[in-house]
Amino acid sequence: MARRGSYAKGVAKREEILVRALEVIAREGYGGASVKQLAEAVGLSQAGLLHYFESKEELFTEILRKRDELDSESSGLDEATYSPASATVDDVRRGYVGVVRHNADVPGLVQLFARLSVDAADTEHPAHDFFLARNAQLREVFAATVSRQQAVGAIPDTVPPETIARIFQAVADGMQVQWMLEPDVDMAATVDALFDLLTGARPNGGARDGAAS
């Protein structure tokens, strides 16, 4: 019983660390959030903090995993409220653009994501499998939605769903890099415009000729 209680406390402390770390990085930026600072935020020493994670790299990877979890919940795209089997492009659009818009309010987390995504190209990096699985899951849901909409003629079927999913992912990730260099760039508006291209929407809000209503 004592061992089970100790385990539960460890899980709770780990969750506390991740949530507080998200707050610190969002506020101070990736460059200003050292392990020492993150440890102080939860009342631990650096050694005490890393007791819950195998390395600094694993800590930052788990911070991103926690960010995705919270973003999914707040955007309505978590498993509890979102059904990939019946989602429309509008459903995906609201969630996708909403998350991108939120990212503009947390520049430190955008910096962390961009840096780790590059580091994760190393197959030995703790974030490697995280990014592979994350990206595949996003594309799977997106492609399934696009495929259904193509089947009913709501959007053109000239490009395979899997390719469209990769294009959207590339644009969303690439816009983050552009935004870090040019903070005045509106990431959400750019991604939203890509949805207009996908659906054939006109500037006045009308649908493309022949689109299903």
C-alpha atoms as a PDB file:
ATOM      1  CA  MET A   1       0.000   0.000   0.000  1.00  0.00           C
ATOM      2  CA  ALA A   2       2.815   2.397   0.875  1.00  0.00           C
ATOM      3  CA  ARG A   3       4.528   1.664  -2.431  1.00  0.00           C
ATOM      4  CA  ARG A   4       1.286   2.358  -4.330  1.00  0.00           C
ATOM      5  CA  GLY A   5       0.831   5.640  -2.465  1.00  0.00           C
ATOM      6  CA  SER A   6       4.398   6.645  -3.197  1.00  0.00           C
ATOM      7  CA  TYR A   7       3.887   5.902  -6.889  1.00  0.00           C
ATOM      8  CA  ALA A   8       0.720   8.007  -7.007  1.00  0.00           C
ATOM      9  CA  LYS A   9       2.532  10.907  -5.363  1.00  0.00           C
ATOM     10  CA  GLY A  10       5.331  10.577  -7.902  1.00  0.00           C
ATOM     11  CA  VAL A  11       2.873  10.712 -10.803  1.00  0.00           C
ATOM     12  CA  ALA A  12       1.155  13.749  -9.284  1.00  0.00           C
ATOM     13  CA  LYS A  13       4.467  15.543  -8.771  1.00  0.00           C
ATOM     14  CA  ARG A  14       5.509  14.803 -12.334  1.00  0.00           C
ATOM     15  CA  GLU A  15       2.255  16.310 -13.598  1.00  0.00           C
ATOM     16  CA  GLU A  16       2.765  19.356 -11.399  1.00  0.00           C
ATOM     17  CA  ILE A  17       6.268  19.817 -12.827  1.00  0.00           C
ATOM     18  CA  LEU A  18       4.998  19.655 -16.405  1.00  0.00           C
ATOM     19  CA  VAL A  19       2.155  22.118 -15.835  1.00  0.00           C
ATOM     20  CA  ARG A  20       4.378  24.602 -13.998  1.00  0.00           C
ATOM     21  CA  ALA A  21       7.096  24.200 -16.619  1.00  0.00           C
ATOM     22  CA  LEU A  22       4.586  25.091 -19.336  1.00  0.00           C
ATOM     23  CA  GLU A  23       3.745  28.276 -17.464  1.00  0.00           C
ATOM     24  CA  VAL A  24       7.388  29.239 -16.947  1.00  0.00           C
ATOM     25  CA  ILE A  25       8.424  28.602 -20.553  1.00  0.00           C
ATOM     26  CA  ALA A  26       5.374  30.414 -21.909  1.00  0.00           C
ATOM     27  CA  ARG A  27       6.266  33.412 -19.718  1.00  0.00           C
ATOM     28  CA  GLU A  28      10.057  33.443 -19.806  1.00  0.00           C
ATOM     29  CA  GLY A  29      10.716  31.844 -23.194  1.00  0.00           C
ATOM     30  CA  TYR A  30      12.655  28.700 -23.959  1.00  0.00           C
ATOM     31  CA  GLY A  31      16.028  30.409 -23.629  1.00  0.00           C
ATOM     32  CA  GLY A  32      15.146  31.815 -20.218  1.00  0.00           C
ATOM     33  CA  ALA A  33      13.791  28.602 -18.756  1.00  0.00           C
ATOM     34  CA  SER A  34      16.730  26.670 -17.366  1.00  0.00           C
ATOM     35  CA  VAL A  35      16.401  23.428 -15.448  1.00  0.00           C
ATOM     36  CA  LYS A  36      17.329  25.429 -12.346  1.00  0.00           C
ATOM     37  CA  GLN A  37      14.479  27.861 -12.923  1.00  0.00           C
ATOM     38  CA  LEU A  38      11.984  25.096 -13.606  1.00  0.00           C
ATOM     39  CA  ALA A  39      13.093  23.288 -10.459  1.00  0.00           C
ATOM     40  CA  GLU A  40      12.672  26.407  -8.352  1.00  0.00           C
ATOM     41  CA  ALA A  41       9.146  26.865  -9.728  1.00  0.00           C
ATOM     42  CA  VAL A  42       8.095  23.559  -8.146  1.00  0.00           C
ATOM     43  CA  GLY A  43      10.234  23.788  -5.022  1.00  0.00           C
ATOM     44  CA  LEU A  44      12.886  21.258  -6.021  1.00  0.00           C
ATOM     45  CA  SER A  45      16.618  21.194  -6.572  1.00  0.00           C
ATOM     46  CA  GLN A  46      17.892  20.511 -10.096  1.00  0.00           C
ATOM     47  CA  ALA A  47      18.776  16.973  -9.047  1.00  0.00           C
ATOM     48  CA  GLY A  48      15.340  16.592  -7.475  1.00  0.00           C
ATOM     49  CA  LEU A  49      13.637  17.727 -10.659  1.00  0.00           C
ATOM     50  CA  LEU A  50      15.614  15.351 -12.870  1.00  0.00           C
ATOM     51  CA  HIS A  51      14.735  12.509 -10.502  1.00  0.00           C
ATOM     52  CA  TYR A  52      11.380  12.450 -12.320  1.00  0.00           C
ATOM     53  CA  PHE A  53      12.920  12.453 -15.803  1.00  0.00           C
ATOM     54  CA  GLU A  54      15.879  10.622 -17.307  1.00  0.00           C
ATOM     55  CA  SER A  55      17.404  13.780 -18.787  1.00  0.00           C
ATOM     56  CA  LYS A  56      16.810  17.433 -19.582  1.00  0.00           C
ATOM     57  CA  GLU A  57      15.874  16.391 -23.125  1.00  0.00           C
ATOM     58  CA  GLU A  58      13.236  13.983 -21.845  1.00  0.00           C
ATOM     59  CA  LEU A  59      11.864  16.714 -19.562  1.00  0.00           C
ATOM     60  CA  PHE A  60      11.402  19.106 -22.482  1.00  0.00           C
ATOM     61  CA  THR A  61       9.880  16.346 -24.613  1.00  0.00           C
ATOM     62  CA  GLU A  62       7.314  15.593 -21.922  1.00  0.00           C
ATOM     63  CA  ILE A  63       6.563  19.313 -21.609  1.00  0.00           C
ATOM     64  CA  LEU A  64       5.587  19.334 -25.285  1.00  0.00           C
ATOM     65  CA  ARG A  65       3.514  16.187 -24.825  1.00  0.00           C
ATOM     66  CA  LYS A  66       1.654  17.879 -21.978  1.00  0.00           C
ATOM     67  CA  ARG A  67       1.168  20.992 -24.119  1.00  0.00           C
ATOM     68  CA  ASP A  68      -0.452  18.902 -26.850  1.00  0.00           C
ATOM     69  CA  GLU A  69      -2.741  17.259 -24.315  1.00  0.00           C
ATOM     70  CA  LEU A  70      -3.950  20.592 -22.943  1.00  0.00           C
ATOM     71  CA  ASP A  71      -4.263  22.143 -26.410  1.00  0.00           C
ATOM     72  CA  SER A  72      -6.415  19.228 -27.567  1.00  0.00           C
ATOM     73  CA  GLU A  73      -8.721  19.641 -24.606  1.00  0.00           C
ATOM     74  CA  SER A  74      -9.087  23.410 -24.996  1.00  0.00           C
ATOM     75  CA  SER A  75      -9.649  23.227 -28.772  1.00  0.00           C
ATOM     76  CA  GLY A  76     -12.283  20.497 -28.512  1.00  0.00           C
ATOM     77  CA  LEU A  77     -10.153  18.022 -30.459  1.00  0.00           C
ATOM     78  CA  ASP A  78      -9.484  15.659 -27.588  1.00  0.00           C
ATOM     79  CA  GLU A  79     -10.828  12.105 -27.694  1.00  0.00           C
ATOM     80  CA  ALA A  80     -13.612  12.921 -25.236  1.00  0.00           C
ATOM     81  CA  THR A  81     -15.287  15.547 -27.452  1.00  0.00           C
ATOM     82  CA  TYR A  82     -14.061  14.878 -30.982  1.00  0.00           C
ATOM     83  CA  SER A  83     -14.985  11.990 -33.260  1.00  0.00           C
ATOM     84  CA  PRO A  84     -12.546  11.541 -36.173  1.00  0.00           C
ATOM     85  CA  ALA A  85     -15.065   9.226 -37.829  1.00  0.00           C
ATOM     86  CA  SER A  86     -17.649  11.984 -38.248  1.00  0.00           C
ATOM     87  CA  ALA A  87     -15.604  15.195 -38.158  1.00  0.00           C
ATOM     88  CA  THR A  88     -15.974  17.695 -40.990  1.00  0.00           C
ATOM     89  CA  VAL A  89     -13.310  19.974 -42.430  1.00  0.00           C
ATOM     90  CA  ASP A  90     -14.950  22.820 -40.477  1.00  0.00           C
ATOM     91  CA  ASP A  91     -14.459  20.863 -37.236  1.00  0.00           C
ATOM     92  CA  VAL A  92     -10.787  20.321 -37.999  1.00  0.00           C
ATOM     93  CA  ARG A  93     -10.433  23.920 -39.161  1.00  0.00           C
ATOM     94  CA  ARG A  94     -11.778  25.356 -35.900  1.00  0.00           C
ATOM     95  CA  GLY A  95      -9.485  23.226 -33.786  1.00  0.00           C
ATOM     96  CA  TYR A  96      -6.412  23.581 -35.998  1.00  0.00           C
ATOM     97  CA  VAL A  97      -6.652  27.357 -36.422  1.00  0.00           C
ATOM     98  CA  GLY A  98      -7.547  27.781 -32.761  1.00  0.00           C
ATOM     99  CA  VAL A  99      -4.381  26.016 -31.631  1.00  0.00           C
ATOM    100  CA  VAL A 100      -2.241  28.029 -34.069  1.00  0.00           C
ATOM    101  CA  ARG A 101      -3.821  31.258 -32.791  1.00  0.00           C
ATOM    102  CA  HIS A 102      -3.132  30.219 -29.197  1.00  0.00           C
ATOM    103  CA  ASN A 103       0.517  29.548 -30.044  1.00  0.00           C
ATOM    104  CA  ALA A 104       1.009  33.252 -30.729  1.00  0.00           C
ATOM    105  CA  ASP A 105       0.349  33.837 -27.022  1.00  0.00           C
ATOM    106  CA  VAL A 106       3.023  31.384 -25.870  1.00  0.00           C
ATOM    107  CA  PRO A 107       6.190  32.199 -27.830  1.00  0.00           C
ATOM    108  CA  GLY A 108       8.424  30.258 -25.462  1.00  0.00           C
ATOM    109  CA  LEU A 109       6.582  27.034 -26.236  1.00  0.00           C
ATOM    110  CA  VAL A 110       6.787  27.735 -29.965  1.00  0.00           C
ATOM    111  CA  GLN A 111      10.551  28.147 -29.581  1.00  0.00           C
ATOM    112  CA  LEU A 112      10.773  24.897 -27.639  1.00  0.00           C
ATOM    113  CA  PHE A 113       8.753  23.023 -30.266  1.00  0.00           C
ATOM    114  CA  ALA A 114      10.851  24.368 -33.135  1.00  0.00           C
ATOM    115  CA  ARG A 115      14.166  23.561 -31.466  1.00  0.00           C
ATOM    116  CA  LEU A 116      13.188  20.082 -30.355  1.00  0.00           C
ATOM    117  CA  SER A 117      11.694  19.221 -33.735  1.00  0.00           C
ATOM    118  CA  VAL A 118      15.111  19.848 -35.296  1.00  0.00           C
ATOM    119  CA  ASP A 119      16.997  18.003 -32.563  1.00  0.00           C
ATOM    120  CA  ALA A 120      14.571  15.086 -32.924  1.00  0.00           C
ATOM    121  CA  ALA A 121      15.988  14.298 -36.360  1.00  0.00           C
ATOM    122  CA  ASP A 122      18.592  12.396 -34.355  1.00  0.00           C
ATOM    123  CA  THR A 123      17.076   8.945 -33.904  1.00  0.00           C
ATOM    124  CA  GLU A 124      18.643   8.705 -30.449  1.00  0.00           C
ATOM    125  CA  HIS A 125      17.029  11.899 -29.190  1.00  0.00           C
ATOM    126  CA  PRO A 126      14.205  11.389 -26.626  1.00  0.00           C
ATOM    127  CA  ALA A 127      11.863  13.494 -28.776  1.00  0.00           C
ATOM    128  CA  HIS A 128      12.386  11.439 -31.954  1.00  0.00           C
ATOM    129  CA  ASP A 129       9.606   8.920 -31.373  1.00  0.00           C
ATOM    130  CA  PHE A 130       7.356  11.609 -29.889  1.00  0.00           C
ATOM    131  CA  PHE A 131       7.470  13.712 -33.055  1.00  0.00           C
ATOM    132  CA  LEU A 132       7.058  10.718 -35.361  1.00  0.00           C
ATOM    133  CA  ALA A 133       3.965   9.510 -33.491  1.00  0.00           C
ATOM    134  CA  ARG A 134       2.541  13.024 -33.051  1.00  0.00           C
ATOM    135  CA  ASN A 135       2.906  13.919 -36.702  1.00  0.00           C
ATOM    136  CA  ALA A 136       1.491  10.609 -37.890  1.00  0.00           C
ATOM    137  CA  GLN A 137      -1.560  10.936 -35.650  1.00  0.00           C
ATOM    138  CA  LEU A 138      -2.291  14.477 -36.811  1.00  0.00           C
ATOM    139  CA  ARG A 139      -2.014  13.489 -40.458  1.00  0.00           C
ATOM    140  CA  GLU A 140      -4.164  10.393 -39.971  1.00  0.00           C
ATOM    141  CA  VAL A 141      -7.077  12.378 -38.524  1.00  0.00           C
ATOM    142  CA  PHE A 142      -6.695  15.157 -41.081  1.00  0.00           C
ATOM    143  CA  ALA A 143      -6.439  12.771 -44.030  1.00  0.00           C
ATOM    144  CA  ALA A 144      -9.469  10.758 -42.909  1.00  0.00           C
ATOM    145  CA  THR A 145     -11.555  13.913 -42.716  1.00  0.00           C
ATOM    146  CA  VAL A 146     -10.375  15.132 -46.116  1.00  0.00           C
ATOM    147  CA  SER A 147     -11.061  11.728 -47.669  1.00  0.00           C
ATOM    148  CA  ARG A 148     -14.679  11.764 -46.490  1.00  0.00           C
ATOM    149  CA  GLN A 149     -15.210  15.279 -47.788  1.00  0.00           C
ATOM    150  CA  GLN A 150     -13.686  14.368 -51.146  1.00  0.00           C
ATOM    151  CA  ALA A 151     -16.005  11.358 -51.397  1.00  0.00           C
ATOM    152  CA  VAL A 152     -19.089  13.600 -51.224  1.00  0.00           C
ATOM    153  CA  GLY A 153     -17.654  16.260 -53.517  1.00  0.00           C
ATOM    154  CA  ALA A 154     -17.264  18.917 -50.833  1.00  0.00           C
ATOM    155  CA  ILE A 155     -13.622  19.479 -51.745  1.00  0.00           C
ATOM    156  CA  PRO A 156     -11.571  18.613 -54.864  1.00  0.00           C
ATOM    157  CA  ASP A 157     -10.113  15.118 -55.078  1.00  0.00           C
ATOM    158  CA  THR A 158      -7.170  16.019 -57.317  1.00  0.00           C
ATOM    159  CA  VAL A 159      -4.666  15.703 -54.457  1.00  0.00           C
ATOM    160  CA  PRO A 160      -4.460  12.611 -52.195  1.00  0.00           C
ATOM    161  CA  PRO A 161      -5.719  13.194 -48.619  1.00  0.00           C
ATOM    162  CA  GLU A 162      -2.376  12.119 -47.132  1.00  0.00           C
ATOM    163  CA  THR A 163      -0.553  14.721 -49.223  1.00  0.00           C
ATOM    164  CA  ILE A 164      -2.995  17.455 -48.197  1.00  0.00           C
ATOM    165  CA  ALA A 165      -2.449  16.503 -44.563  1.00  0.00           C
ATOM    166  CA  ARG A 166       1.313  16.834 -44.975  1.00  0.00           C
ATOM    167  CA  ILE A 167       0.936  20.213 -46.673  1.00  0.00           C
ATOM    168  CA  PHE A 168      -1.135  21.582 -43.799  1.00  0.00           C
ATOM    169  CA  GLN A 169       1.302  20.248 -41.248  1.00  0.00           C
ATOM    170  CA  ALA A 170       4.237  21.728 -43.134  1.00  0.00           C
ATOM    171  CA  VAL A 171       2.544  25.119 -43.373  1.00  0.00           C
ATOM    172  CA  ALA A 172       1.593  25.206 -39.693  1.00  0.00           C
ATOM    173  CA  ASP A 173       5.110  24.236 -38.576  1.00  0.00           C
ATOM    174  CA  GLY A 174       6.765  26.511 -41.104  1.00  0.00           C
ATOM    175  CA  MET A 175       4.630  29.489 -40.104  1.00  0.00           C
ATOM    176  CA  GLN A 176       5.966  29.139 -36.574  1.00  0.00           C
ATOM    177  CA  VAL A 177       9.508  29.641 -37.867  1.00  0.00           C
ATOM    178  CA  GLN A 178       8.433  32.635 -39.954  1.00  0.00           C
ATOM    179  CA  TRP A 179       6.598  34.096 -36.963  1.00  0.00           C
ATOM    180  CA  MET A 180       9.654  33.784 -34.727  1.00  0.00           C
ATOM    181  CA  LEU A 181      11.592  35.793 -37.317  1.00  0.00           C
ATOM    182  CA  GLU A 182       8.727  38.172 -38.112  1.00  0.00           C
ATOM    183  CA  PRO A 183       6.450  38.524 -35.052  1.00  0.00           C
ATOM    184  CA  ASP A 184       3.927  40.620 -37.009  1.00  0.00           C
ATOM    185  CA  VAL A 185       3.026  37.634 -39.201  1.00  0.00           C
ATOM    186  CA  ASP A 186      -0.467  36.307 -38.469  1.00  0.00           C
ATOM    187  CA  MET A 187       0.044  32.548 -38.283  1.00  0.00           C
ATOM    188  CA  ALA A 188      -3.613  31.716 -37.722  1.00  0.00           C
ATOM    189  CA  ALA A 189      -4.830  33.856 -40.629  1.00  0.00           C
ATOM    190  CA  THR A 190      -2.333  32.219 -42.980  1.00  0.00           C
ATOM    191  CA  VAL A 191      -3.378  28.691 -41.984  1.00  0.00           C
ATOM    192  CA  ASP A 192      -7.035  29.742 -42.199  1.00  0.00           C
ATOM    193  CA  ALA A 193      -6.424  30.981 -45.745  1.00  0.00           C
ATOM    194  CA  LEU A 194      -5.054  27.562 -46.649  1.00  0.00           C
ATOM    195  CA  PHE A 195      -8.377  26.066 -45.576  1.00  0.00           C
ATOM    196  CA  ASP A 196     -10.088  28.519 -47.953  1.00  0.00           C
ATOM    197  CA  LEU A 197      -7.927  27.164 -50.753  1.00  0.00           C
ATOM    198  CA  LEU A 198      -8.787  23.599 -49.764  1.00  0.00           C
ATOM    199  CA  THR A 199     -12.542  24.164 -49.666  1.00  0.00           C
ATOM    200  CA  GLY A 200     -12.672  26.614 -52.563  1.00  0.00           C
ATOM    201  CA  ALA A 201     -14.256  29.278 -50.377  1.00  0.00           C
ATOM    202  CA  ARG A 202     -14.612  32.714 -51.898  1.00  0.00           C
ATOM    203  CA  PRO A 203     -13.654  35.959 -50.126  1.00  0.00           C
ATOM    204  CA  ASN A 204     -17.346  36.753 -49.477  1.00  0.00           C
ATOM    205  CA  GLY A 205     -17.793  33.410 -47.736  1.00  0.00           C
ATOM    206  CA  GLY A 206     -19.367  31.578 -50.663  1.00  0.00           C
ATOM    207  CA  ALA A 207     -18.411  28.030 -51.597  1.00  0.00           C
ATOM    208  CA  ARG A 208     -16.650  27.020 -54.784  1.00  0.00           C
ATOM    209  CA  ASP A 209     -18.777  26.141 -57.800  1.00  0.00           C
ATOM    210  CA  GLY A 210     -20.158  22.629 -57.510  1.00  0.00           C
ATOM    211  CA  ALA A 211     -19.258  22.239 -53.810  1.00  0.00           C
ATOM    212  CA  ALA A 212     -21.671  20.402 -51.579  1.00  0.00           C
ATOM    213  CA  SER A 213     -23.624  22.689 -49.282  1.00  0.00           C
END
